[in-house]
Amino acid sequence: MEGKVIALTGDVDQDALDSATAYFNKGDSVNTNERVMLTKLDVGDGQQVDSWITATVERFGKLNGAANCAGVIGKHHGIKAVYELEDDQWDLIMRVNLTGMMYSLRPQLKAIRPGGSVHGILGLVRSAALEMGEHDVRVNAVSPGLIDTPLVKKRDAFTGTDSLANITESAIKRPGTVDETASLLVFLLSDEATFITGANYAVDGGMKALVYQSPQKAVVVTDRAVPKLRDNYILVKVVTIALNPTDWKHVKYGLAKEGCICGVDYAGVVEEVGSKVTKPFKKGDRICGFVHGANFSNIEDGAFAEYIVAKGDIQMKIPDNLSFEEAATLGCGVMTVGQGLFEDIGLNLARPSEKAGTSEPILIYGGSSATGSLGIQFAKAAGYTVITTCSPKNFDFVKSLGASAVFDYKDPECGKKINEFTGNKLKYAWDTISTEESAAICAQGLSSGPGGHYGTILNPKFPREDVKYTSTLAYMAVGDAFEKFGQQFPAQDSLFEFQQGWVGEVAHLMAEGLIKVHPVSLRQGGLNGILDGFKDMKEGKYSGEKLVYRIADTT
């Protein structure tokens, strides 16, 4: 930035001087002596601002950029609602904060290149960016949150509060510094930011999250408050997340309400442990698991964010032999397999720790899916003979997981062939795809004799009344009451208690290398990339993989 001339506005004892120092150290001419020109003015007076910019250009010969930091909060220091403000205070705030922004931008842009328009600060920034782009002039906004400045301290003295202490509503639990804000301004005005214009940068210690907005629409926000820690929950700094069909379906079909954090699968690091969590988690532990994303009953309960809260006793410490990317694939699958195969609300099979007395056959329909691949392995570990279905391209994969036989689900005689292979003795079928087509194949494959049991993760129509039918819902594993599909689901302690023991059993099997994670497809873009992942899932553009994203890749 050597040789550039920058115009700054702000309270002389805070923003402007600190920013001026930052620019001065970068080699700019900043509007003390030959390199800094100080001017006292009212930014709400257009003539004063015009004269200031004219004098700056006359002294230094040019103007290369500007950072407009001036602002007021009125005599009530921002603590009154709009309807309580006196007219003179409203006029002051609008004259300085909005009109003053336009008065500053107008001569600044003229000095750089002609142009300008106005409809609110962010609208003003975007319009100016559009108008000035053809002249290679960039216009951006910086929106500071709670910054440690003399102005904030004056407000605290007036209100008798200490707003800089015990900060809990942001990801970074402290106030920002003037230097941090100034550094961003320096960057935006430097040649390192020549392709950034019309943008608003929040310097507020907030966090990024993917939230449900309306049916078929989810958006990435950057100002989300960190969820409040509940007694039986853990606060987690998320490293990676993985996608499941339930994630995009909640968005497409409007199964959440505005502001819900999306997503169920994550891996990260423990930040804080609630007082009623019984498992020995501590700060710094690597952890993964399942949370109730897009929860209509609590909008904070989702995985797709920089910080999340997770029900403590059903989360799993990541085994040393797994990466964050691999661990992120486990949560929903582990919960679903536990419910569907081994709980009494599912097939109620013997668990791996119990071992089945015989090698009885079981059909895992959809073996190459993320849930199906885990189902194959856990059923095999429990002593069952596993039969499965998938596309021929995935036959070798499912066999490597322990399937004894595999059938092409597109074969019109798939169900019949399964029945013949098992000698009409197949009693258990677990459907991880759960469509009417998959249910029909399972019905054909099951024995025509008594004792048949069909388990599903959704509620497809099943064509046989002589077969026991059970359906599970992973969200019930969390052990909290919730609303979904227009129904009320009460908390069921027994389901939560099962999962407490089940995740411990899973962690042991994972650490011993007896269970393999589903193949990972690491995608780019972080939270922003999830929306493309949703689209690929809906369109069936991938198979045999779990889509995983790193939070740090979010732009």
Protein backbone atom coordinates (compact mmCIF):
# COMPACT_ATOMS: atom_id res chain seq x y z
CA MET A 1 0.00 0.00 0.00
CA GLU A 2 3.03 2.25 -0.35
CA GLY A 3 2.08 5.73 -1.54
CA LYS A 4 -1.69 5.36 -1.20
CA VAL A 5 -3.85 8.10 0.30
CA ILE A 6 -6.64 6.93 2.61
CA ALA A 7 -9.45 9.03 4.13
CA LEU A 8 -10.70 7.94 7.56
CA THR A 9 -13.65 9.07 9.69
CA GLY A 10 -14.27 8.22 13.35
CA ASP A 11 -14.03 9.35 16.95
CA VAL A 12 -10.59 10.91 17.20
CA ASP A 13 -9.81 8.97 20.39
CA GLN A 14 -10.61 5.58 18.94
CA ASP A 15 -11.28 4.24 15.47
CA ALA A 16 -9.68 6.88 13.30
CA LEU A 17 -6.38 7.20 15.16
CA ASP A 18 -6.01 3.44 15.60
CA SER A 19 -6.78 2.82 11.95
CA ALA A 20 -4.49 5.68 10.96
CA THR A 21 -1.69 4.06 12.93
CA ALA A 22 -2.28 0.78 11.13
CA TYR A 23 -2.26 2.45 7.72
CA PHE A 24 0.77 4.61 8.62
CA ASN A 25 2.70 1.46 9.47
CA LYS A 26 1.76 0.06 6.08
CA GLY A 27 3.31 3.06 4.33
CA ASP A 28 0.15 4.99 3.41
CA SER A 29 -0.45 8.69 3.55
CA VAL A 30 -3.25 9.08 6.02
CA ASN A 31 -5.38 12.05 6.06
CA THR A 32 0.56 13.86 11.58
CA ASN A 33 2.75 16.13 9.82
CA GLU A 34 3.47 15.47 6.16
CA ARG A 35 1.80 12.06 6.15
CA VAL A 36 -1.27 12.52 8.36
CA MET A 37 -3.78 15.38 8.14
CA LEU A 38 -6.28 15.66 11.02
CA THR A 39 -9.56 17.46 10.41
CA LYS A 40 -12.35 18.05 12.92
CA LEU A 41 -15.75 17.89 11.26
CA ASP A 42 -19.36 16.72 11.49
CA VAL A 43 -19.98 13.92 9.00
CA GLY A 44 -23.66 14.83 9.13
CA ASP A 45 -22.79 18.13 7.43
CA GLY A 46 -22.24 17.51 3.75
CA GLN A 47 -20.39 20.78 3.13
CA GLN A 48 -17.86 20.03 5.87
CA VAL A 49 -17.19 16.57 4.45
CA ASP A 50 -16.87 17.93 0.90
CA SER A 51 -14.36 20.55 2.08
CA TRP A 52 -12.36 17.90 3.94
CA ILE A 53 -12.05 15.59 0.94
CA THR A 54 -11.20 18.52 -1.35
CA ALA A 55 -8.45 19.64 1.06
CA THR A 56 -7.14 16.06 1.26
CA VAL A 57 -6.82 15.78 -2.51
CA GLU A 58 -5.25 19.25 -2.77
CA ARG A 59 -2.63 18.35 -0.14
CA PHE A 60 -1.75 14.83 -1.31
CA GLY A 61 -2.75 15.03 -4.95
CA LYS A 62 -5.12 12.07 -4.94
CA LEU A 63 -7.39 9.79 -2.91
CA ASN A 64 -7.04 6.02 -3.20
CA GLY A 65 -9.46 4.73 -0.59
CA ALA A 66 -11.59 5.48 2.45
CA ALA A 67 -12.72 3.84 5.69
CA ASN A 68 -15.78 5.47 7.20
CA CYS A 69 -15.89 4.56 10.89
CA ALA A 70 -17.85 7.51 12.32
CA GLY A 71 -21.04 6.69 14.24
CA VAL A 72 -23.11 7.66 17.27
CA ILE A 73 -25.42 5.82 19.64
CA GLY A 74 -27.35 8.78 21.07
CA LYS A 75 -27.66 10.02 24.63
CA HIS A 76 -29.43 6.83 25.69
CA HIS A 77 -26.42 4.80 24.49
CA GLY A 78 -28.46 2.40 22.45
CA ILE A 79 -30.55 1.06 25.31
CA LYS A 80 -33.89 2.51 24.21
CA ALA A 81 -36.16 0.88 21.65
CA VAL A 82 -36.97 2.78 18.46
CA TYR A 83 -40.47 3.67 19.67
CA GLU A 84 -38.95 5.28 22.78
CA LEU A 85 -36.47 7.52 20.97
CA GLU A 86 -37.06 11.25 21.01
CA ASP A 87 -37.12 12.94 17.62
CA ASP A 88 -33.83 14.78 18.18
CA GLN A 89 -32.03 11.53 19.05
CA TRP A 90 -33.49 9.75 16.03
CA ASP A 91 -32.41 12.63 13.81
CA LEU A 92 -28.90 12.57 15.25
CA ILE A 93 -28.47 8.82 14.79
CA MET A 94 -29.79 8.83 11.23
CA ARG A 95 -27.93 12.03 10.28
CA VAL A 96 -24.57 10.67 11.39
CA ASN A 97 -24.87 6.92 10.83
CA LEU A 98 -26.75 6.84 7.53
CA THR A 99 -26.77 10.27 5.95
CA GLY A 100 -23.21 10.82 7.19
CA MET A 101 -22.19 7.64 5.37
CA MET A 102 -23.63 8.97 2.14
CA TYR A 103 -22.09 12.44 2.70
CA SER A 104 -18.71 10.73 3.19
CA LEU A 105 -19.02 8.33 0.28
CA ARG A 106 -20.18 10.94 -2.22
CA PRO A 107 -17.05 13.14 -2.30
CA GLN A 108 -14.78 10.16 -1.71
CA LEU A 109 -16.14 8.34 -4.74
CA LYS A 110 -15.99 11.52 -6.80
CA ALA A 111 -12.34 11.93 -5.86
CA ILE A 112 -11.66 8.36 -6.95
CA ARG A 113 -14.16 8.26 -9.78
CA PRO A 114 -17.64 9.78 -10.23
CA GLY A 115 -20.78 7.94 -9.01
CA GLY A 116 -23.11 7.23 -6.01
CA SER A 117 -26.61 6.19 -4.78
CA VAL A 118 -28.36 5.51 -1.45
CA HIS A 119 -30.93 3.20 0.24
CA GLY A 120 -29.54 2.19 3.64
CA ILE A 121 -25.92 1.48 4.49
CA LEU A 122 -25.64 -2.02 3.01
CA GLY A 123 -27.79 -1.07 0.04
CA LEU A 124 -25.65 2.02 -0.38
CA VAL A 125 -22.51 -0.11 -0.34
CA ARG A 126 -23.88 -2.58 -2.88
CA SER A 127 -25.18 0.13 -5.20
CA ALA A 128 -21.88 2.04 -5.02
CA ALA A 129 -20.00 -1.19 -5.74
CA LEU A 130 -22.10 -1.80 -8.84
CA GLU A 131 -21.75 1.75 -10.09
CA MET A 132 -18.01 1.99 -9.46
CA GLY A 133 -17.01 -1.49 -10.59
CA GLU A 134 -16.47 -0.45 -14.19
CA HIS A 135 -13.98 2.14 -12.94
CA ASP A 136 -12.09 -0.54 -10.94
CA VAL A 137 -13.17 1.05 -7.65
CA ARG A 138 -14.21 -1.32 -4.85
CA VAL A 139 -16.78 -0.54 -2.12
CA ASN A 140 -17.19 -2.81 0.93
CA ALA A 141 -18.66 -2.61 4.43
CA VAL A 142 -17.34 -3.70 7.81
CA SER A 143 -19.88 -4.39 10.58
CA PRO A 144 -18.17 -4.52 13.97
CA GLY A 145 -19.75 -6.27 16.90
CA LEU A 146 -18.73 -5.55 20.48
CA ILE A 147 -15.34 -3.81 20.13
CA ASP A 148 -13.30 -2.58 23.12
CA THR A 149 -13.35 1.17 22.44
CA PRO A 150 -13.69 4.31 24.56
CA LEU A 151 -17.23 4.71 23.20
CA VAL A 152 -18.28 1.34 24.63
CA LYS A 153 -16.71 2.21 27.98
CA LYS A 154 -18.61 5.52 28.02
CA ARG A 155 -21.84 3.62 27.39
CA ASP A 156 -21.08 1.16 30.21
CA ALA A 157 -20.35 4.04 32.59
CA PHE A 158 -23.69 5.60 31.64
CA THR A 159 -25.67 2.36 32.07
CA GLY A 160 -23.73 0.95 35.05
CA THR A 161 -22.91 -2.26 33.21
CA ASP A 162 -19.76 -4.04 32.03
CA SER A 163 -20.55 -5.31 28.56
CA LEU A 164 -16.95 -6.40 27.98
CA ALA A 165 -17.07 -9.05 30.74
CA ASN A 166 -18.55 -12.57 30.68
CA ILE A 167 -19.30 -12.65 26.97
CA THR A 168 -21.21 -15.82 26.11
CA GLU A 169 -23.21 -14.99 22.98
CA SER A 170 -20.40 -15.32 20.43
CA ALA A 171 -18.04 -18.06 19.35
CA ILE A 172 -15.04 -16.03 20.54
CA LYS A 173 -15.88 -15.18 24.12
CA ARG A 174 -14.24 -11.75 24.38
CA PRO A 175 -14.70 -8.32 22.87
CA GLY A 176 -12.96 -7.48 19.64
CA THR A 177 -10.08 -5.02 19.50
CA VAL A 178 -9.69 -1.91 17.39
CA ASP A 179 -6.58 -3.45 15.86
CA GLU A 180 -8.60 -6.41 14.61
CA THR A 181 -11.11 -4.13 12.93
CA ALA A 182 -8.36 -1.91 11.53
CA SER A 183 -6.53 -4.93 10.12
CA LEU A 184 -9.61 -5.91 8.13
CA LEU A 185 -9.94 -2.35 6.84
CA VAL A 186 -6.28 -2.41 5.78
CA PHE A 187 -6.85 -5.65 3.93
CA LEU A 188 -9.96 -4.42 2.11
CA LEU A 189 -8.13 -1.29 0.98
CA SER A 190 -5.02 -3.16 -0.12
CA ASP A 191 -4.15 -4.73 -3.45
CA GLU A 192 -4.73 -8.12 -1.81
CA ALA A 193 -8.50 -7.54 -1.99
CA THR A 194 -8.86 -6.38 -5.59
CA PHE A 195 -11.61 -8.92 -6.36
CA ILE A 196 -13.77 -8.12 -3.32
CA THR A 197 -16.53 -5.54 -3.68
CA GLY A 198 -20.10 -5.04 -2.46
CA ALA A 199 -19.41 -7.25 0.56
CA ASN A 200 -20.22 -6.82 4.23
CA TYR A 201 -17.76 -8.27 6.74
CA ALA A 202 -18.99 -8.98 10.27
CA VAL A 203 -16.29 -8.50 12.92
CA ASP A 204 -18.41 -9.76 15.78
CA GLY A 205 -16.96 -13.00 17.12
CA GLY A 206 -20.06 -14.76 15.80
CA MET A 207 -20.15 -18.14 14.15
CA LYS A 208 -21.13 -19.58 10.79
CA ALA A 209 -23.97 -22.06 10.43
CA LEU A 210 -26.22 -23.55 7.77
CA VAL A 211 -29.80 -22.78 8.78
CA TYR A 212 -33.22 -23.66 7.43
CA GLN A 213 -34.99 -20.62 6.02
CA SER A 214 -38.07 -21.89 4.19
CA PRO A 215 -39.19 -24.97 2.21
CA GLN A 216 -36.44 -25.84 -0.30
CA LYS A 217 -34.16 -23.11 1.04
CA ALA A 218 -31.26 -23.24 3.52
CA VAL A 219 -28.65 -20.49 3.84
CA VAL A 220 -25.23 -20.01 5.41
CA VAL A 221 -25.24 -17.27 8.06
CA THR A 222 -22.20 -15.69 9.71
CA ASP A 223 -23.75 -14.06 12.79
CA ARG A 224 -25.20 -17.05 14.63
CA ALA A 225 -24.74 -17.07 18.42
CA VAL A 226 -23.05 -20.09 19.94
CA PRO A 227 -25.70 -22.46 21.39
CA LYS A 228 -26.13 -22.29 25.15
CA LEU A 229 -24.79 -25.32 26.99
CA ARG A 230 -27.47 -27.41 28.68
CA ASP A 231 -26.73 -29.56 31.75
CA ASN A 232 -26.74 -32.91 29.95
CA TYR A 233 -25.13 -31.65 26.74
CA ILE A 234 -21.58 -31.03 25.49
CA LEU A 235 -20.39 -27.92 23.65
CA VAL A 236 -18.34 -28.99 20.63
CA LYS A 237 -16.11 -27.09 18.22
CA VAL A 238 -16.94 -28.80 14.95
CA VAL A 239 -14.18 -29.88 12.56
CA THR A 240 -16.05 -31.95 9.98
CA ILE A 241 -19.66 -32.77 9.09
CA ALA A 242 -21.28 -35.41 6.90
CA LEU A 243 -24.52 -35.45 4.91
CA ASN A 244 -27.49 -37.79 5.23
CA PRO A 245 -30.70 -37.97 3.17
CA THR A 246 -32.66 -36.70 6.18
CA ASP A 247 -30.75 -33.39 5.94
CA TRP A 248 -31.90 -32.38 2.48
CA LYS A 249 -35.37 -33.85 2.98
CA HIS A 250 -35.96 -31.61 6.01
CA VAL A 251 -35.16 -28.61 3.84
CA LYS A 252 -37.07 -29.69 0.75
CA TYR A 253 -40.26 -30.66 2.56
CA GLY A 254 -40.28 -27.88 5.15
CA LEU A 255 -39.89 -30.16 8.18
CA ALA A 256 -38.19 -27.45 10.26
CA LYS A 257 -38.90 -23.84 11.17
CA GLU A 258 -36.99 -20.72 10.24
CA GLY A 259 -33.64 -20.45 12.00
CA CYS A 260 -33.15 -24.16 12.71
CA ILE A 261 -29.54 -25.31 12.36
CA CYS A 262 -29.44 -28.17 9.85
CA GLY A 263 -27.56 -31.46 9.98
CA VAL A 264 -27.12 -34.49 12.23
CA ASP A 265 -23.59 -35.92 11.73
CA TYR A 266 -20.39 -34.25 12.97
CA ALA A 267 -16.89 -34.74 14.40
CA GLY A 268 -15.04 -32.18 16.49
CA VAL A 269 -13.40 -31.26 19.78
CA VAL A 270 -15.00 -30.92 23.22
CA GLU A 271 -15.08 -27.31 24.45
CA GLU A 272 -17.20 -27.65 27.58
CA VAL A 273 -19.11 -30.44 29.35
CA GLY A 274 -22.50 -30.01 31.00
CA SER A 275 -22.82 -30.70 34.72
CA LYS A 276 -25.13 -33.73 34.28
CA VAL A 277 -23.14 -35.58 31.61
CA THR A 278 -22.08 -38.89 33.20
CA LYS A 279 -19.47 -40.05 30.68
CA PRO A 280 -15.87 -38.87 31.32
CA PHE A 281 -15.58 -36.37 28.47
CA LYS A 282 -13.21 -33.43 28.99
CA LYS A 283 -12.17 -30.32 27.11
CA GLY A 284 -9.95 -31.21 24.17
CA ASP A 285 -11.33 -34.73 23.59
CA ARG A 286 -11.96 -35.69 19.98
CA ILE A 287 -15.64 -36.55 19.71
CA CYS A 288 -18.23 -37.53 17.09
CA GLY A 289 -21.86 -38.46 16.98
CA PHE A 290 -25.44 -37.55 16.25
CA VAL A 291 -27.53 -34.46 17.03
CA HIS A 292 -31.14 -33.58 16.23
CA GLY A 293 -30.66 -31.28 13.25
CA ALA A 294 -33.50 -29.10 11.96
CA ASN A 295 -35.26 -29.66 15.26
CA PHE A 296 -38.65 -27.94 15.14
CA SER A 297 -38.70 -27.96 18.95
CA ASN A 298 -35.23 -26.42 19.48
CA ILE A 299 -33.59 -24.47 16.67
CA GLU A 300 -30.11 -24.74 18.25
CA ASP A 301 -29.89 -28.53 17.87
CA GLY A 302 -28.02 -29.01 14.57
CA ALA A 303 -24.58 -30.16 13.39
CA PHE A 304 -23.83 -27.79 10.51
CA ALA A 305 -22.18 -24.97 12.46
CA GLU A 306 -18.82 -23.97 13.90
CA TYR A 307 -20.00 -24.74 17.45
CA ILE A 308 -22.81 -27.11 18.42
CA VAL A 309 -24.37 -28.74 21.49
CA ALA A 310 -24.75 -32.54 21.56
CA LYS A 311 -26.52 -34.81 24.07
CA GLY A 312 -23.50 -35.87 26.08
CA ASP A 313 -23.99 -39.51 27.01
CA ILE A 314 -24.77 -40.77 23.48
CA GLN A 315 -21.74 -39.20 21.81
CA MET A 316 -18.58 -41.18 21.11
CA LYS A 317 -14.92 -40.42 21.75
CA ILE A 318 -13.16 -40.82 18.41
CA PRO A 319 -10.84 -43.84 18.35
CA ASP A 320 -7.19 -42.97 17.64
CA ASN A 321 -7.28 -44.89 14.36
CA LEU A 322 -9.94 -42.62 12.83
CA SER A 323 -9.59 -39.16 11.29
CA PHE A 324 -12.13 -36.39 11.81
CA GLU A 325 -13.31 -36.95 8.25
CA GLU A 326 -13.95 -40.65 8.86
CA ALA A 327 -15.51 -40.10 12.28
CA ALA A 328 -18.05 -37.63 10.88
CA THR A 329 -19.68 -40.46 8.91
CA LEU A 330 -20.71 -42.47 11.98
CA GLY A 331 -23.36 -40.59 13.97
CA CYS A 332 -26.66 -41.18 12.23
CA GLY A 333 -25.65 -44.63 10.99
CA VAL A 334 -24.63 -45.84 14.44
CA MET A 335 -27.89 -44.62 16.01
CA THR A 336 -29.99 -46.11 13.22
CA VAL A 337 -28.27 -49.51 13.22
CA GLY A 338 -28.59 -49.71 16.99
CA GLN A 339 -32.32 -49.03 16.86
CA GLY A 340 -33.09 -51.04 13.73
CA LEU A 341 -31.16 -54.22 14.44
CA PHE A 342 -30.72 -54.50 18.18
CA GLU A 343 -33.43 -52.57 20.04
CA ASP A 344 -36.86 -53.98 20.83
CA ILE A 345 -38.42 -51.27 18.64
CA GLY A 346 -36.52 -52.87 15.73
CA LEU A 347 -35.58 -56.46 14.92
CA ASN A 348 -34.34 -57.02 18.50
CA LEU A 349 -31.39 -59.17 17.41
CA ALA A 350 -28.51 -60.32 19.62
CA ARG A 351 -25.85 -57.59 19.84
CA PRO A 352 -22.19 -58.16 18.90
CA SER A 353 -21.34 -58.34 22.62
CA GLU A 354 -23.93 -61.09 23.02
CA LYS A 355 -23.41 -63.08 19.79
CA ALA A 356 -26.23 -64.97 18.12
CA GLY A 357 -26.35 -68.68 18.94
CA THR A 358 -26.61 -69.63 15.24
CA SER A 359 -25.53 -68.09 11.95
CA GLU A 360 -29.13 -67.22 11.06
CA PRO A 361 -29.51 -65.29 7.80
CA ILE A 362 -30.54 -61.66 7.69
CA LEU A 363 -31.20 -59.47 4.66
CA ILE A 364 -29.69 -55.98 4.84
CA TYR A 365 -31.39 -54.22 1.95
CA GLY A 366 -29.25 -51.40 0.48
CA GLY A 367 -25.85 -52.67 1.58
CA SER A 368 -23.80 -50.03 -0.22
CA SER A 369 -25.60 -47.15 1.51
CA ALA A 370 -23.88 -45.52 4.47
CA THR A 371 -26.34 -47.09 6.92
CA GLY A 372 -26.41 -50.40 5.06
CA SER A 373 -22.63 -50.80 5.10
CA LEU A 374 -22.63 -50.40 8.88
CA GLY A 375 -25.61 -52.75 9.17
CA ILE A 376 -23.74 -55.49 7.31
CA GLN A 377 -20.74 -55.22 9.61
CA PHE A 378 -22.61 -55.08 12.90
CA ALA A 379 -24.90 -57.97 11.93
CA LYS A 380 -21.84 -60.00 10.91
CA ALA A 381 -20.08 -59.08 14.19
CA ALA A 382 -23.17 -60.32 16.04
CA GLY A 383 -22.90 -63.75 14.37
CA TYR A 384 -25.52 -63.53 11.63
CA THR A 385 -25.11 -64.58 7.99
CA VAL A 386 -25.60 -61.43 5.97
CA ILE A 387 -27.32 -61.22 2.60
CA THR A 388 -27.57 -57.85 0.91
CA THR A 389 -28.57 -55.93 -2.22
CA CYS A 390 -26.85 -53.18 -4.23
CA SER A 391 -25.69 -52.32 -7.74
CA PRO A 392 -23.25 -54.79 -9.34
CA LYS A 393 -20.49 -52.14 -9.25
CA ASN A 394 -20.60 -52.33 -5.43
CA PHE A 395 -20.68 -56.13 -5.09
CA ASP A 396 -16.99 -56.39 -4.13
CA PHE A 397 -17.36 -53.57 -1.62
CA VAL A 398 -20.21 -55.15 0.32
CA LYS A 399 -18.54 -58.56 0.25
CA SER A 400 -15.42 -56.97 1.75
CA LEU A 401 -17.61 -55.83 4.64
CA GLY A 402 -18.79 -59.38 5.40
CA ALA A 403 -21.79 -60.06 3.15
CA SER A 404 -22.02 -63.74 2.29
CA ALA A 405 -24.27 -63.17 -0.72
CA VAL A 406 -25.29 -60.10 -2.71
CA PHE A 407 -28.08 -59.55 -5.22
CA ASP A 408 -28.75 -56.86 -7.83
CA TYR A 409 -31.77 -54.90 -6.62
CA LYS A 410 -32.66 -54.00 -10.22
CA ASP A 411 -33.09 -57.64 -11.16
CA PRO A 412 -36.88 -58.24 -11.55
CA GLU A 413 -36.41 -61.58 -9.75
CA CYS A 414 -34.25 -60.19 -6.94
CA GLY A 415 -36.70 -61.08 -4.14
CA LYS A 416 -37.39 -64.51 -5.54
CA LYS A 417 -33.68 -65.30 -5.84
CA ILE A 418 -33.07 -64.25 -2.23
CA ASN A 419 -35.88 -66.53 -1.08
CA GLU A 420 -34.45 -69.45 -3.08
CA PHE A 421 -30.90 -68.79 -1.80
CA THR A 422 -32.09 -68.99 1.82
CA GLY A 423 -34.30 -72.02 1.21
CA ASN A 424 -37.40 -70.03 2.18
CA LYS A 425 -36.00 -69.67 5.72
CA LEU A 426 -35.21 -65.94 5.85
CA LYS A 427 -36.93 -64.45 8.92
CA TYR A 428 -35.25 -61.04 9.18
CA ALA A 429 -35.08 -58.22 6.66
CA TRP A 430 -33.82 -54.72 7.45
CA ASP A 431 -34.54 -52.12 4.77
CA THR A 432 -32.17 -49.13 4.75
CA ILE A 433 -33.71 -47.67 1.57
CA SER A 434 -37.37 -47.98 2.57
CA THR A 435 -39.35 -47.40 -0.61
CA GLU A 436 -42.35 -49.39 -1.82
CA GLU A 437 -40.02 -51.11 -4.31
CA SER A 438 -37.51 -52.14 -1.65
CA ALA A 439 -40.32 -53.26 0.67
CA ALA A 440 -41.73 -55.49 -2.09
CA ILE A 441 -38.36 -57.18 -2.65
CA CYS A 442 -37.98 -57.78 1.08
CA ALA A 443 -41.50 -59.25 1.20
CA GLN A 444 -40.62 -61.69 -1.59
CA GLY A 445 -37.32 -62.66 0.02
CA LEU A 446 -38.75 -63.39 3.47
CA SER A 447 -39.94 -66.88 4.36
CA SER A 448 -43.54 -67.74 3.66
CA GLY A 449 -43.65 -69.42 7.08
CA PRO A 450 -44.36 -67.81 10.45
CA GLY A 451 -41.99 -65.54 12.40
CA GLY A 452 -41.03 -63.13 9.62
CA HIS A 453 -39.96 -59.62 10.68
CA TYR A 454 -39.48 -56.60 8.39
CA GLY A 455 -37.69 -53.54 9.79
CA THR A 456 -37.52 -50.17 8.07
CA ILE A 457 -36.12 -46.69 8.71
CA LEU A 458 -39.11 -44.97 7.10
CA ASN A 459 -42.72 -46.09 6.64
CA PRO A 460 -43.18 -47.65 3.18
CA LYS A 461 -46.24 -49.70 2.38
CA PHE A 462 -45.49 -53.39 3.01
CA PRO A 463 -47.48 -55.98 1.00
CA ARG A 464 -47.61 -58.78 3.61
CA GLU A 465 -49.78 -58.74 6.73
CA ASP A 466 -48.35 -62.03 8.06
CA VAL A 467 -44.94 -60.39 8.68
CA LYS A 468 -44.18 -58.24 11.74
CA TYR A 469 -43.50 -54.65 10.70
CA THR A 470 -41.35 -52.22 12.74
CA SER A 471 -40.09 -48.74 11.89
CA THR A 472 -37.52 -46.65 13.78
CA LEU A 473 -36.67 -42.95 13.98
CA ALA A 474 -33.11 -42.02 14.97
CA TYR A 475 -34.17 -38.69 16.51
CA MET A 476 -35.86 -40.60 19.34
CA ALA A 477 -32.44 -41.87 20.47
CA VAL A 478 -31.61 -38.40 21.84
CA GLY A 479 -34.13 -38.90 24.64
CA ASP A 480 -35.82 -35.49 24.39
CA ALA A 481 -39.43 -34.76 23.45
CA PHE A 482 -39.89 -33.17 20.02
CA GLU A 483 -42.35 -32.32 17.29
CA LYS A 484 -42.01 -33.68 13.75
CA PHE A 485 -44.34 -34.42 10.83
CA GLY A 486 -47.03 -32.56 12.76
CA GLN A 487 -46.83 -35.09 15.60
CA GLN A 488 -45.60 -34.89 19.18
CA PHE A 489 -42.94 -37.45 20.12
CA PRO A 490 -42.53 -37.84 23.91
CA ALA A 491 -39.13 -38.47 25.46
CA GLN A 492 -38.44 -42.20 25.86
CA ASP A 493 -35.78 -42.88 28.47
CA SER A 494 -35.37 -46.51 27.43
CA LEU A 495 -34.29 -45.56 23.89
CA PHE A 496 -31.74 -43.08 25.24
CA GLU A 497 -30.43 -45.60 27.79
CA PHE A 498 -29.94 -48.21 25.07
CA GLN A 499 -27.87 -45.79 23.01
CA GLN A 500 -25.72 -44.90 26.04
CA GLY A 501 -24.49 -48.50 26.13
CA TRP A 502 -24.56 -49.02 22.37
CA VAL A 503 -22.13 -46.20 21.50
CA GLY A 504 -19.65 -47.63 24.00
CA GLU A 505 -19.85 -51.01 22.29
CA VAL A 506 -19.40 -49.35 18.90
CA ALA A 507 -16.36 -47.38 20.07
CA HIS A 508 -14.72 -50.61 21.23
CA LEU A 509 -15.37 -52.37 17.92
CA MET A 510 -14.07 -49.34 15.98
CA ALA A 511 -10.89 -49.11 18.09
CA GLU A 512 -10.24 -52.84 17.47
CA GLY A 513 -10.55 -52.25 13.71
CA LEU A 514 -13.50 -54.64 13.47
CA ILE A 515 -15.81 -52.05 11.86
CA LYS A 516 -14.86 -49.99 8.82
CA VAL A 517 -16.26 -46.53 8.15
CA HIS A 518 -18.16 -45.88 4.95
CA PRO A 519 -15.97 -44.53 2.10
CA VAL A 520 -15.50 -40.77 2.42
CA SER A 521 -15.94 -38.27 -0.39
CA LEU A 522 -14.33 -35.10 0.96
CA ARG A 523 -15.97 -32.15 -0.77
CA GLN A 524 -14.85 -28.52 -1.02
CA GLY A 525 -16.54 -25.35 0.23
CA GLY A 526 -17.30 -26.15 3.86
CA LEU A 527 -20.78 -25.07 4.88
CA ASN A 528 -21.27 -23.35 1.52
CA GLY A 529 -20.56 -26.60 -0.29
CA ILE A 530 -23.31 -28.46 1.57
CA LEU A 531 -25.97 -26.91 -0.67
CA ASP A 532 -24.30 -28.48 -3.72
CA GLY A 533 -24.13 -31.75 -1.79
CA PHE A 534 -27.87 -31.59 -1.14
CA LYS A 535 -28.44 -31.18 -4.86
CA ASP A 536 -26.23 -34.15 -5.74
CA MET A 537 -28.02 -36.33 -3.21
CA LYS A 538 -31.46 -35.40 -4.50
CA GLU A 539 -30.37 -36.10 -8.06
CA GLY A 540 -28.66 -39.39 -7.21
CA LYS A 541 -25.29 -38.25 -8.54
CA TYR A 542 -23.23 -40.35 -6.12
CA SER A 543 -23.37 -43.79 -4.54
CA GLY A 544 -21.27 -45.87 -2.18
CA GLU A 545 -19.80 -42.77 -0.51
CA LYS A 546 -20.51 -40.39 2.36
CA LEU A 547 -20.24 -36.69 1.52
CA VAL A 548 -18.01 -34.95 4.09
CA TYR A 549 -17.06 -31.28 4.51
CA ARG A 550 -14.51 -29.44 6.65
CA ILE A 551 -15.92 -26.47 8.53
CA ALA A 552 -12.62 -24.57 8.09
CA ASP A 553 -13.19 -24.56 4.31
CA THR A 554 -16.23 -22.28 4.69
CA THR A 555 -15.69 -18.95 2.94
